[in-house]
């Protein structure tokens, strides 16, 4: 016997093959007025895969896509691996120089680029790339549609030999220096997608709205998870709260994902209202405040708090709800739900450890680093062995996130390692201060960072964005904190305005820190 009857290599491409077989006439993809059935979706994928090979794609060649959340990028998540290539989905909000680095570093052979984003690459040297532009207008004149039309609409013979081969490279947004290319495997993508199905309750009747960028951790693997159960993808070129509320109602959306920033603007939009049916909103990117969680629940939006990083395919842990928590007060429930919880059913246990990788006590107060390993951890950084060795030292992925371990085995983030404020020898969790300030009725969102202090070394400063038509003063915010927090934790200064953010909605605290520590040789005091 030359093959193992009891094993096939895990690949998320099989999800589409299955759904096209079972649900051929069901709507798989909605994009404005365009609708594709699962059979049409599969045929488009096969055409793209065939064309990639026809244009001399070799095994493991990198295929870059620079697109918003439109069908071509969704199709690429199946067509590129089906053809034997490696998908490189590029952050659409990067600069031309950053995009150029990714194209050069990944060694991409193909670049598919949306017309609205072409200005980001038109000044670059693209001679080594085969460039296909995407009009996304639904017409036969679209170069992408013309490219597809030449392809064979039937499945190709798979070149996959080992499920631990690389399926995609996702470049971290990076705060300093060049981004790192995180390598995902077929196995990891497959298992993480199934984890999303289980944890978020996706099924064949689900309708998923693409508010989360597909370029971000391959859409937290929902690009594959939604298809796995034969659910419907609703594509969205741009996240505009008013349009999202219309789609929540008109398309009977059941699921969407996003960072707390996305949730904040949805929950505080003038069109926000309690929905007639429950919608599951998966939240990650930063710990949501109890205030935000309470707001979402009042809108009949079920908040599901997950936690992870690019290096863990997106979500790795989930705050699984306990039925007995329903007996707690709303404030207690929100505080419990704000924790990061524990590993997905497809993942291993997340741990809180000391520098020697020893477990810290589960007392809810001793802070250490969050480490993970297993199926939901990437296999390393492309072309960067030193960074891989550092991140995976001791056989665990080192997240760089600081948290505590509770008695019930749930973990809770307290800070990034660089964000801990040490004031007069006392550790201050910026997240704790931020979540308190978020409870103020005039506050839309906030970030807290350390600023130098001649007496205490460091003190907290709050940066706040106020809700439309609401007002608050620095003195009012500080007094609000003094009434509710230990005084050493309270900010000594408050600044109002918009917060700097990454393309995925995370607040860039390093920008705030840099402006406060100008003129200082060190960023600690």
Protein backbone atom coordinates (compact mmCIF):
# COMPACT_ATOMS: atom_id res chain seq x y z
CA UNK A 1 0.00 0.00 0.00
CA UNK A 2 1.60 3.27 -1.13
CA UNK A 3 -0.94 5.63 0.48
CA UNK A 4 -2.47 5.85 3.93
CA UNK A 5 -6.17 5.14 3.57
CA UNK A 6 -6.81 6.71 6.96
CA UNK A 7 -5.20 10.09 6.17
CA UNK A 8 -5.55 12.98 3.76
CA UNK A 9 -3.63 16.22 4.12
CA UNK A 10 -5.73 18.94 5.75
CA UNK A 11 -6.45 21.86 3.43
CA UNK A 12 -9.14 24.56 3.64
CA UNK A 13 -9.59 24.26 -0.12
CA UNK A 14 -11.63 21.15 0.68
CA UNK A 15 -14.20 23.35 2.45
CA UNK A 16 -15.20 24.95 -0.85
CA UNK A 17 -15.20 21.63 -2.67
CA UNK A 18 -17.61 20.22 -0.10
CA UNK A 19 -19.97 23.21 0.01
CA UNK A 20 -20.13 23.38 -3.79
CA UNK A 21 -21.07 19.69 -3.77
CA UNK A 22 -23.74 20.01 -1.07
CA UNK A 23 -25.06 23.55 -1.65
CA UNK A 24 -24.46 24.21 -5.38
CA UNK A 25 -27.40 26.61 -5.81
CA UNK A 26 -27.11 28.37 -2.45
CA UNK A 27 -25.87 31.97 -2.38
CA UNK A 28 -22.25 31.86 -1.26
CA UNK A 29 -21.15 35.45 -1.90
CA UNK A 30 -23.04 38.75 -1.96
CA UNK A 31 -21.32 41.91 -3.15
CA UNK A 32 -23.75 44.75 -3.76
CA UNK A 33 -26.01 43.62 -6.58
CA UNK A 34 -23.79 40.67 -7.45
CA UNK A 35 -24.59 37.22 -6.09
CA UNK A 36 -22.59 34.02 -6.61
CA UNK A 37 -23.87 30.56 -5.80
CA UNK A 38 -21.52 28.02 -4.29
CA UNK A 39 -21.15 26.35 -7.67
CA UNK A 40 -20.31 29.69 -9.31
CA UNK A 41 -17.95 30.55 -6.46
CA UNK A 42 -16.10 27.26 -6.92
CA UNK A 43 -15.93 27.65 -10.70
CA UNK A 44 -14.46 31.16 -10.34
CA UNK A 45 -11.88 29.79 -7.93
CA UNK A 46 -10.93 26.96 -10.28
CA UNK A 47 -10.64 29.37 -13.22
CA UNK A 48 -8.30 31.60 -11.21
CA UNK A 49 -6.20 28.64 -10.10
CA UNK A 50 -5.96 27.32 -13.66
CA UNK A 51 -4.89 30.72 -14.96
CA UNK A 52 -2.19 31.07 -12.32
CA UNK A 53 -0.67 27.80 -13.48
CA UNK A 54 -1.15 28.77 -17.13
CA UNK A 55 0.87 31.93 -16.38
CA UNK A 56 3.75 29.75 -15.11
CA UNK A 57 3.10 29.70 -11.38
CA UNK A 58 5.44 27.19 -9.72
CA UNK A 59 4.86 25.45 -6.43
CA UNK A 60 5.16 27.83 -3.48
CA UNK A 61 5.37 30.94 -5.67
CA UNK A 62 3.99 33.92 -3.78
CA UNK A 63 0.84 35.59 -5.12
CA UNK A 64 0.13 39.05 -3.70
CA UNK A 65 -3.31 40.67 -3.51
CA UNK A 66 -3.86 44.36 -2.71
CA UNK A 67 -7.63 44.61 -2.42
CA UNK A 68 -10.43 45.64 -0.07
CA UNK A 69 -12.96 43.02 1.07
CA UNK A 70 -14.20 42.06 -2.40
CA UNK A 71 -14.87 38.68 -4.08
CA UNK A 72 -11.46 38.44 -5.83
CA UNK A 73 -9.61 38.47 -2.49
CA UNK A 74 -12.02 35.88 -1.07
CA UNK A 75 -11.53 33.74 -4.18
CA UNK A 76 -7.76 34.05 -3.81
CA UNK A 77 -7.91 32.29 -0.44
CA UNK A 78 -8.89 29.14 -2.32
CA UNK A 79 -7.44 29.62 -5.79
CA UNK A 80 -3.87 30.40 -4.74
CA UNK A 81 -3.43 27.27 -2.58
CA UNK A 82 -5.41 25.21 -5.11
CA UNK A 83 -2.86 26.27 -7.73
CA UNK A 84 0.03 25.44 -5.38
CA UNK A 85 1.05 29.00 -4.55
CA UNK A 86 1.31 30.98 -1.31
CA UNK A 87 -1.09 33.87 -0.72
CA UNK A 88 0.25 37.24 0.41
CA UNK A 89 -2.73 39.48 1.27
CA UNK A 90 -1.39 43.02 1.70
CA UNK A 91 -2.69 45.62 4.13
CA UNK A 92 -4.55 48.14 1.98
CA UNK A 93 -3.62 51.10 4.19
CA UNK A 94 0.14 50.76 3.98
CA UNK A 95 2.38 53.27 2.25
CA UNK A 96 3.97 52.57 -1.13
CA UNK A 97 7.33 51.97 0.53
CA UNK A 98 5.85 49.43 2.93
CA UNK A 99 4.03 47.64 0.09
CA UNK A 100 7.24 47.62 -1.91
CA UNK A 101 9.09 46.00 1.00
CA UNK A 102 6.48 43.24 1.23
CA UNK A 103 6.56 42.57 -2.51
CA UNK A 104 10.35 42.43 -2.49
CA UNK A 105 10.72 40.48 0.76
CA UNK A 106 8.10 37.89 -0.14
CA UNK A 107 9.48 37.53 -3.66
CA UNK A 108 5.98 37.72 -5.11
CA UNK A 109 5.54 36.59 -8.72
CA UNK A 110 2.00 37.94 -9.18
CA UNK A 111 0.25 41.08 -7.98
CA UNK A 112 -3.52 41.48 -8.19
CA UNK A 113 -4.43 45.07 -7.35
CA UNK A 114 -7.72 46.92 -7.06
CA UNK A 115 -7.97 49.99 -9.30
CA UNK A 116 -8.64 52.30 -6.37
CA UNK A 117 -5.37 51.16 -4.79
CA UNK A 118 -3.24 51.12 -7.92
CA UNK A 119 -1.78 54.56 -7.10
CA UNK A 120 0.06 52.86 -4.22
CA UNK A 121 2.10 50.71 -6.62
CA UNK A 122 2.23 52.64 -9.90
CA UNK A 123 5.55 54.29 -9.00
CA UNK A 124 7.13 50.98 -7.95
CA UNK A 125 9.30 48.78 -10.15
CA UNK A 126 6.90 45.96 -10.99
CA UNK A 127 8.94 44.45 -13.81
CA UNK A 128 9.44 41.17 -11.92
CA UNK A 129 5.70 40.78 -11.33
CA UNK A 130 2.76 39.76 -13.43
CA UNK A 131 0.24 42.48 -12.59
CA UNK A 132 -3.53 41.98 -12.97
CA UNK A 133 -5.76 44.93 -12.17
CA UNK A 134 -9.23 44.57 -10.66
CA UNK A 135 -12.01 47.01 -11.54
CA UNK A 136 -14.59 45.37 -9.25
CA UNK A 137 -17.42 46.76 -11.37
CA UNK A 138 -19.09 43.47 -12.34
CA UNK A 139 -18.55 43.99 -16.07
CA UNK A 140 -16.81 41.86 -18.70
CA UNK A 141 -14.33 44.71 -19.24
CA UNK A 142 -12.82 44.15 -15.79
CA UNK A 143 -9.25 42.84 -16.42
CA UNK A 144 -9.69 40.41 -13.53
CA UNK A 145 -12.89 38.99 -15.05
CA UNK A 146 -11.13 38.66 -18.40
CA UNK A 147 -8.30 36.79 -16.66
CA UNK A 148 -10.80 34.40 -15.08
CA UNK A 149 -12.75 33.88 -18.30
CA UNK A 150 -9.75 32.18 -19.92
CA UNK A 151 -9.42 29.60 -17.13
CA UNK A 152 -10.81 26.08 -16.87
CA UNK A 153 -13.75 25.92 -14.37
CA UNK A 154 -12.79 22.46 -13.11
CA UNK A 155 -10.64 21.44 -10.13
CA UNK A 156 -6.90 21.04 -10.63
CA UNK A 157 -4.79 18.17 -9.41
CA UNK A 158 -3.41 19.27 -6.05
CA UNK A 159 0.32 19.74 -5.60
CA UNK A 160 0.00 19.59 -1.81
CA UNK A 161 2.22 16.91 -0.26
CA UNK A 162 2.39 17.92 3.40
CA UNK A 163 -0.24 19.84 5.36
CA UNK A 164 2.58 21.71 7.12
CA UNK A 165 3.47 23.48 3.88
CA UNK A 166 2.92 27.25 3.85
CA UNK A 167 -0.50 28.40 2.66
CA UNK A 168 -0.08 32.13 3.28
CA UNK A 169 2.30 34.80 4.54
CA UNK A 170 0.76 37.58 6.61
CA UNK A 171 2.90 40.62 7.29
CA UNK A 172 2.53 42.15 10.73
CA UNK A 173 1.62 45.83 10.69
CA UNK A 174 4.70 46.61 12.79
CA UNK A 175 5.25 49.69 14.91
CA UNK A 176 8.96 50.09 14.22
CA UNK A 177 11.21 48.66 11.54
CA UNK A 178 10.12 46.45 8.68
CA UNK A 179 7.16 44.10 9.08
CA UNK A 180 7.71 40.38 9.58
CA UNK A 181 6.08 37.78 7.33
CA UNK A 182 4.16 35.28 9.46
CA UNK A 183 3.87 31.88 7.79
CA UNK A 184 0.60 29.94 8.11
CA UNK A 185 0.31 26.25 7.31
CA UNK A 186 -2.51 24.39 5.58
CA UNK A 187 -3.04 22.41 8.77
CA UNK A 188 -3.17 25.48 10.99
CA UNK A 189 -5.54 27.34 8.67
CA UNK A 190 -7.85 24.32 8.48
CA UNK A 191 -7.97 23.78 12.24
CA UNK A 192 -8.28 27.44 13.13
CA UNK A 193 -11.16 27.80 10.67
CA UNK A 194 -12.94 24.90 12.38
CA UNK A 195 -12.22 26.57 15.71
CA UNK A 196 -14.01 29.70 14.48
CA UNK A 197 -16.98 27.59 13.38
CA UNK A 198 -17.26 25.99 16.81
CA UNK A 199 -16.61 29.05 18.97
CA UNK A 200 -18.80 31.53 17.07
CA UNK A 201 -21.63 29.13 16.23
CA UNK A 202 -21.46 29.37 12.44
CA UNK A 203 -23.78 27.07 10.49
CA UNK A 204 -25.28 26.76 7.02
CA UNK A 205 -27.88 29.43 7.82
CA UNK A 206 -25.32 32.01 8.95
CA UNK A 207 -24.75 35.24 7.01
CA UNK A 208 -21.36 36.77 7.70
CA UNK A 209 -20.60 40.47 7.09
CA UNK A 210 -17.01 41.33 6.15
CA UNK A 211 -16.28 44.24 8.49
CA UNK A 212 -12.91 42.68 9.40
CA UNK A 213 -10.18 43.06 6.74
CA UNK A 214 -9.52 39.85 4.83
CA UNK A 215 -5.85 40.84 4.75
CA UNK A 216 -5.70 40.70 8.55
CA UNK A 217 -4.70 37.14 9.55
CA UNK A 218 -6.61 35.98 6.44
CA UNK A 219 -9.70 37.48 8.01
CA UNK A 220 -9.03 35.53 11.25
CA UNK A 221 -9.52 32.48 9.00
CA UNK A 222 -13.22 33.34 8.52
CA UNK A 223 -12.44 33.40 4.78
CA UNK A 224 -12.35 29.61 5.17
CA UNK A 225 -14.64 29.12 8.19
CA UNK A 226 -17.76 30.66 6.62
CA UNK A 227 -17.36 28.47 3.53
CA UNK A 228 -16.73 25.35 5.62
CA UNK A 229 -20.35 25.29 6.79
CA UNK A 230 -21.91 26.58 3.58
CA UNK A 231 -22.77 29.98 5.06
CA UNK A 232 -22.98 33.24 3.09
CA UNK A 233 -20.23 35.87 2.74
CA UNK A 234 -21.37 39.51 2.43
CA UNK A 235 -18.45 41.52 1.05
CA UNK A 236 -17.88 45.15 1.95
CA UNK A 237 -15.41 47.48 0.25
CA UNK A 238 -15.39 49.95 3.11
CA UNK A 239 -16.65 49.86 6.69
CA UNK A 240 -19.10 52.74 7.13
CA UNK A 241 -21.27 52.48 10.26
CA UNK A 242 -24.41 53.69 8.50
CA UNK A 243 -24.07 51.09 5.75
CA UNK A 244 -23.24 48.39 8.30
CA UNK A 245 -26.47 49.10 10.18
CA UNK A 246 -28.42 48.91 6.90
CA UNK A 247 -26.83 45.56 6.06
CA UNK A 248 -27.44 44.21 9.56
CA UNK A 249 -31.13 44.72 8.91
CA UNK A 250 -31.52 44.21 5.16
CA UNK A 251 -29.23 41.20 4.71
CA UNK A 252 -30.23 39.45 7.96
CA UNK A 253 -26.61 39.38 9.10
CA UNK A 254 -25.91 36.87 11.87
CA UNK A 255 -22.16 37.40 12.42
CA UNK A 256 -19.49 40.06 12.05
CA UNK A 257 -16.07 40.66 13.57
CA UNK A 258 -13.96 43.63 14.52
CA UNK A 259 -11.67 45.42 16.94
CA UNK A 260 -13.23 47.41 19.79
CA UNK A 261 -12.82 50.58 17.69
CA UNK A 262 -15.20 49.21 15.06
CA UNK A 263 -17.67 48.15 17.75
CA UNK A 264 -17.48 51.55 19.47
CA UNK A 265 -18.41 53.46 16.34
CA UNK A 266 -21.23 51.04 15.53
CA UNK A 267 -22.65 51.14 19.06
CA UNK A 268 -22.55 54.95 19.16
CA UNK A 269 -23.85 55.64 15.66
CA UNK A 270 -27.17 57.55 15.35
CA UNK A 271 -28.69 54.53 13.57
CA UNK A 272 -27.81 52.15 16.39
CA UNK A 273 -30.89 50.38 17.71
CA UNK A 274 -31.83 47.02 19.25
CA UNK A 275 -31.91 44.44 16.47
CA UNK A 276 -34.92 42.19 15.95
CA UNK A 277 -32.73 39.08 16.06
CA UNK A 278 -29.43 38.37 17.81
CA UNK A 279 -26.15 39.02 16.01
CA UNK A 280 -22.82 37.56 17.13
CA UNK A 281 -19.98 40.10 17.14
CA UNK A 282 -16.55 38.61 17.73
CA UNK A 283 -14.21 41.16 19.30
CA UNK A 284 -10.42 41.12 19.38
CA UNK A 285 -7.49 43.45 18.89
CA UNK A 286 -7.67 44.97 22.36
CA UNK A 287 -9.61 44.12 25.52
CA UNK A 288 -13.11 45.62 25.20
CA UNK A 289 -14.26 47.73 28.10
CA UNK A 290 -17.18 46.49 30.23
CA UNK A 291 -19.00 49.65 29.09
CA UNK A 292 -18.76 48.66 25.41
CA UNK A 293 -19.81 45.07 26.14
CA UNK A 294 -22.88 46.34 27.95
CA UNK A 295 -23.76 48.63 25.03
CA UNK A 296 -23.59 45.80 22.52
CA UNK A 297 -25.78 43.51 24.60
CA UNK A 298 -28.43 46.25 24.80
CA UNK A 299 -28.47 46.31 20.96
CA UNK A 300 -29.13 42.53 20.83
CA UNK A 301 -25.55 42.05 19.68
CA UNK A 302 -23.92 39.10 21.39
CA UNK A 303 -20.30 40.07 22.12
CA UNK A 304 -17.84 37.20 21.94
CA UNK A 305 -14.45 38.18 23.27
CA UNK A 306 -11.45 36.41 21.73
CA UNK A 307 -7.73 37.08 21.84
CA UNK A 308 -4.80 36.32 19.61
CA UNK A 309 -2.12 37.72 17.35
CA UNK A 310 -1.05 37.50 13.74
CA UNK A 311 1.25 34.70 14.88
CA UNK A 312 -1.74 32.67 16.12
CA UNK A 313 -3.92 32.90 12.97
CA UNK A 314 -5.91 35.61 14.75
CA UNK A 315 -7.99 34.37 17.71
CA UNK A 316 -6.37 31.79 19.99
CA UNK A 317 -8.42 32.11 23.19
CA UNK A 318 -12.09 32.74 23.85
CA UNK A 319 -13.95 33.88 26.93
CA UNK A 320 -16.40 30.98 27.09
CA UNK A 321 -19.57 32.00 28.91
CA UNK A 322 -20.72 30.15 32.02
CA UNK A 323 -24.46 29.78 32.58
CA UNK A 324 -24.13 30.65 36.26
CA UNK A 325 -22.73 34.05 35.30
CA UNK A 326 -26.24 35.00 34.18
CA UNK A 327 -27.10 35.43 37.85
CA UNK A 328 -24.46 38.14 38.29
CA UNK A 329 -25.08 41.86 37.92
CA UNK A 330 -24.65 43.39 34.47
CA UNK A 331 -21.47 45.10 35.59
CA UNK A 332 -20.03 41.82 36.90
CA UNK A 333 -21.01 40.01 33.70
CA UNK A 334 -19.28 42.64 31.58
CA UNK A 335 -16.13 42.43 33.70
CA UNK A 336 -16.07 38.64 33.33
CA UNK A 337 -16.60 38.84 29.57
CA UNK A 338 -13.75 41.35 29.20
CA UNK A 339 -11.25 38.62 30.10
CA UNK A 340 -9.45 36.71 27.35
CA UNK A 341 -10.42 33.25 28.66
CA UNK A 342 -8.69 30.11 27.42
CA UNK A 343 -7.64 28.32 24.25
CA UNK A 344 -10.00 27.41 21.42
CA UNK A 345 -11.14 23.80 21.20
CA UNK A 346 -8.52 23.41 18.43
CA UNK A 347 -5.77 25.09 20.47
CA UNK A 348 -3.79 24.31 23.60
CA UNK A 349 -3.92 26.02 26.96
CA UNK A 350 -2.58 29.57 27.09
CA UNK A 351 -0.18 30.09 30.00
CA UNK A 352 1.01 33.01 32.10
CA UNK A 353 4.71 32.54 32.85
CA UNK A 354 7.77 34.11 34.40
CA UNK A 355 10.97 34.74 32.38
CA UNK A 356 12.03 31.11 32.96
CA UNK A 357 8.74 29.81 31.48
CA UNK A 358 7.51 28.73 34.90
CA UNK A 359 3.78 28.95 35.56
CA UNK A 360 2.70 31.89 37.71
CA UNK A 361 0.08 31.52 40.46
CA UNK A 362 -3.58 31.69 39.47
CA UNK A 363 -4.31 34.55 41.83
CA UNK A 364 -5.61 37.15 39.38
CA UNK A 365 -2.86 39.59 40.31
CA UNK A 366 0.62 38.19 39.56
CA UNK A 367 1.53 39.47 36.11
CA UNK A 368 3.58 37.56 33.54
CA UNK A 369 3.87 36.94 29.81
CA UNK A 370 1.23 35.09 27.78
CA UNK A 371 2.74 32.15 25.88
CA UNK A 372 1.13 29.63 23.52
CA UNK A 373 1.97 26.69 21.26
CA UNK A 374 0.23 24.07 19.15
CA UNK A 375 -2.00 23.91 16.09
CA UNK A 376 -2.99 27.56 16.19
CA UNK A 377 0.56 28.94 16.22
CA UNK A 378 2.31 29.94 12.98
CA UNK A 379 5.45 28.11 11.94
CA UNK A 380 7.71 31.16 11.92
CA UNK A 381 8.71 34.34 10.12
CA UNK A 382 9.51 34.10 6.42
CA UNK A 383 13.19 34.71 5.75
CA UNK A 384 13.89 35.75 9.33
CA UNK A 385 15.40 32.93 11.39
CA UNK A 386 16.65 35.21 14.19
CA UNK A 387 13.19 36.65 14.83
CA UNK A 388 11.70 33.14 14.70
CA UNK A 389 14.19 31.80 17.25
CA UNK A 390 13.50 34.70 19.60
CA UNK A 391 9.71 34.47 19.33
CA UNK A 392 9.69 30.68 19.82
CA UNK A 393 12.38 30.42 22.51
CA UNK A 394 11.89 27.44 24.82
CA UNK A 395 9.33 25.79 22.55
CA UNK A 396 6.60 28.39 23.17
CA UNK A 397 5.45 31.43 21.22
CA UNK A 398 6.14 34.54 23.28
CA UNK A 399 3.29 36.98 22.73
CA UNK A 400 4.86 39.99 24.42
CA UNK A 401 1.51 40.51 26.16
CA UNK A 402 1.31 40.78 29.93
CA UNK A 403 -1.56 39.19 31.81
CA UNK A 404 -2.73 37.44 34.95
CA UNK A 405 -4.10 33.96 35.54
CA UNK A 406 -7.38 33.64 37.43
CA UNK A 407 -8.40 30.82 39.73
CA UNK A 408 -10.87 29.54 37.13
CA UNK A 409 -7.96 29.11 34.63
CA UNK A 410 -9.01 32.12 32.53
CA UNK A 411 -6.32 34.56 31.55
CA UNK A 412 -6.77 38.32 31.48
CA UNK A 413 -4.52 40.80 29.70
CA UNK A 414 -3.17 43.69 31.67
CA UNK A 415 -0.76 45.25 29.19
CA UNK A 416 1.77 44.91 26.50
CA UNK A 417 5.12 44.48 28.20
CA UNK A 418 6.20 47.93 27.05
CA UNK A 419 2.96 49.53 28.24
CA UNK A 420 3.22 48.78 31.96
CA UNK A 421 3.51 51.98 33.96
CA UNK A 422 5.74 51.75 37.01
CA UNK A 423 5.00 54.70 39.25
CA UNK A 424 6.73 55.00 42.59
CA UNK A 425 7.49 51.29 42.45
CA UNK A 426 3.83 50.37 41.84
CA UNK A 427 2.73 48.63 38.62
CA UNK A 428 -0.23 50.29 36.92
CA UNK A 429 -2.29 48.47 34.30
CA UNK A 430 -3.17 50.93 31.54
CA UNK A 431 -6.06 48.67 30.53
CA UNK A 432 -7.64 48.98 33.97
CA UNK A 433 -7.47 52.79 33.75
CA UNK A 434 -8.76 52.82 30.16
CA UNK A 435 -11.73 50.63 31.00
CA UNK A 436 -12.70 52.90 33.86
CA UNK A 437 -12.46 56.07 31.76
CA UNK A 438 -14.56 54.38 29.05
CA UNK A 439 -17.43 54.29 31.56
CA UNK A 440 -17.63 58.09 31.55
CA UNK A 441 -20.75 59.04 29.56
CA UNK A 442 -18.89 61.56 27.36
CA UNK A 443 -16.01 59.25 26.40
CA UNK A 444 -16.00 57.44 23.05
CA UNK A 445 -12.59 55.79 23.42
CA UNK A 446 -9.34 56.35 25.22
CA UNK A 447 -5.72 55.27 25.58
CA UNK A 448 -3.44 55.62 28.58
CA UNK A 449 0.36 55.76 28.43
CA UNK A 450 3.20 56.57 30.78
CA UNK A 451 4.67 60.07 30.87
CA UNK A 452 7.81 61.11 32.76
CA UNK A 453 7.36 62.46 36.29
CA UNK A 454 10.10 64.05 38.39
CA UNK A 455 8.73 62.63 41.64
CA UNK A 456 7.25 59.25 40.75
CA UNK A 457 9.32 58.36 37.70
CA UNK A 458 6.23 57.76 35.56
CA UNK A 459 2.59 58.76 35.78
CA UNK A 460 -0.40 57.87 33.59
CA UNK A 461 -1.72 60.28 30.96
CA UNK A 462 -5.07 59.72 29.24
CA UNK A 463 -5.78 60.50 25.59
CA UNK A 464 -9.51 60.69 24.96
CA UNK A 465 -11.85 60.94 21.99
CA UNK A 466 -15.21 62.34 23.07
CA UNK A 467 -18.59 61.30 21.71
CA UNK A 468 -20.18 63.68 19.20
CA UNK A 469 -21.84 66.67 20.87
CA UNK A 470 -20.52 65.67 24.29
CA UNK A 471 -18.09 67.63 26.42
CA UNK A 472 -15.76 66.92 29.31
CA UNK A 473 -12.81 68.67 30.91
CA UNK A 474 -9.48 67.38 32.10
CA UNK A 475 -10.47 68.10 35.69
CA UNK A 476 -13.75 66.22 35.28
CA UNK A 477 -12.05 63.09 33.92
CA UNK A 478 -9.41 63.08 36.65
CA UNK A 479 -12.07 63.54 39.34
CA UNK A 480 -14.09 60.70 37.80
CA UNK A 481 -11.05 58.43 38.17
CA UNK A 482 -10.24 59.62 41.71
CA UNK A 483 -13.70 58.57 42.85
CA UNK A 484 -13.27 55.04 41.49
CA UNK A 485 -9.58 54.10 41.44
CA UNK A 486 -6.61 54.01 43.75
CA UNK A 487 -5.18 57.51 43.44
CA UNK A 488 -1.76 56.35 42.26
CA UNK A 489 -3.46 54.79 39.21
CA UNK A 490 -5.30 57.95 38.18
CA UNK A 491 -4.06 60.05 35.25
CA UNK A 492 -2.37 63.31 36.09
CA UNK A 493 -3.03 64.72 32.63
CA UNK A 494 -5.72 64.37 29.96
CA UNK A 495 -5.58 65.30 26.29
CA UNK A 496 -8.58 65.30 23.96
CA UNK A 497 -8.58 64.44 20.24
CA UNK A 498 -8.45 61.57 17.75
CA UNK A 499 -6.28 58.58 18.60
CA UNK A 500 -3.60 57.29 16.19
CA UNK A 501 -4.45 53.79 14.97
CA UNK A 502 -3.19 50.94 12.83
CA UNK A 503 -5.14 49.83 9.78
CA UNK A 504 -6.87 47.15 11.86
CA UNK A 505 -8.13 49.61 14.46
CA UNK A 506 -5.56 49.15 17.21
CA UNK A 507 -4.52 52.32 18.99
CA UNK A 508 -0.85 53.09 18.35
CA UNK A 509 0.27 53.79 21.88
CA UNK A 510 3.89 54.04 20.79
CA UNK A 511 3.01 57.23 18.86
CA UNK A 512 1.54 58.75 22.00
CA UNK A 513 4.52 57.64 24.09
CA UNK A 514 7.03 59.06 21.62
CA UNK A 515 5.47 62.51 21.71
CA UNK A 516 5.48 62.52 25.52
CA UNK A 517 9.08 61.31 25.91
CA UNK A 518 10.75 63.60 23.36
CA UNK A 519 14.05 64.88 24.69
CA UNK A 520 14.50 61.91 27.03
CA UNK A 521 17.30 59.47 26.32
CA UNK A 522 15.22 56.56 27.65
CA UNK A 523 11.51 55.76 27.45
CA UNK A 524 11.37 54.70 31.09
CA UNK A 525 12.04 56.81 34.14
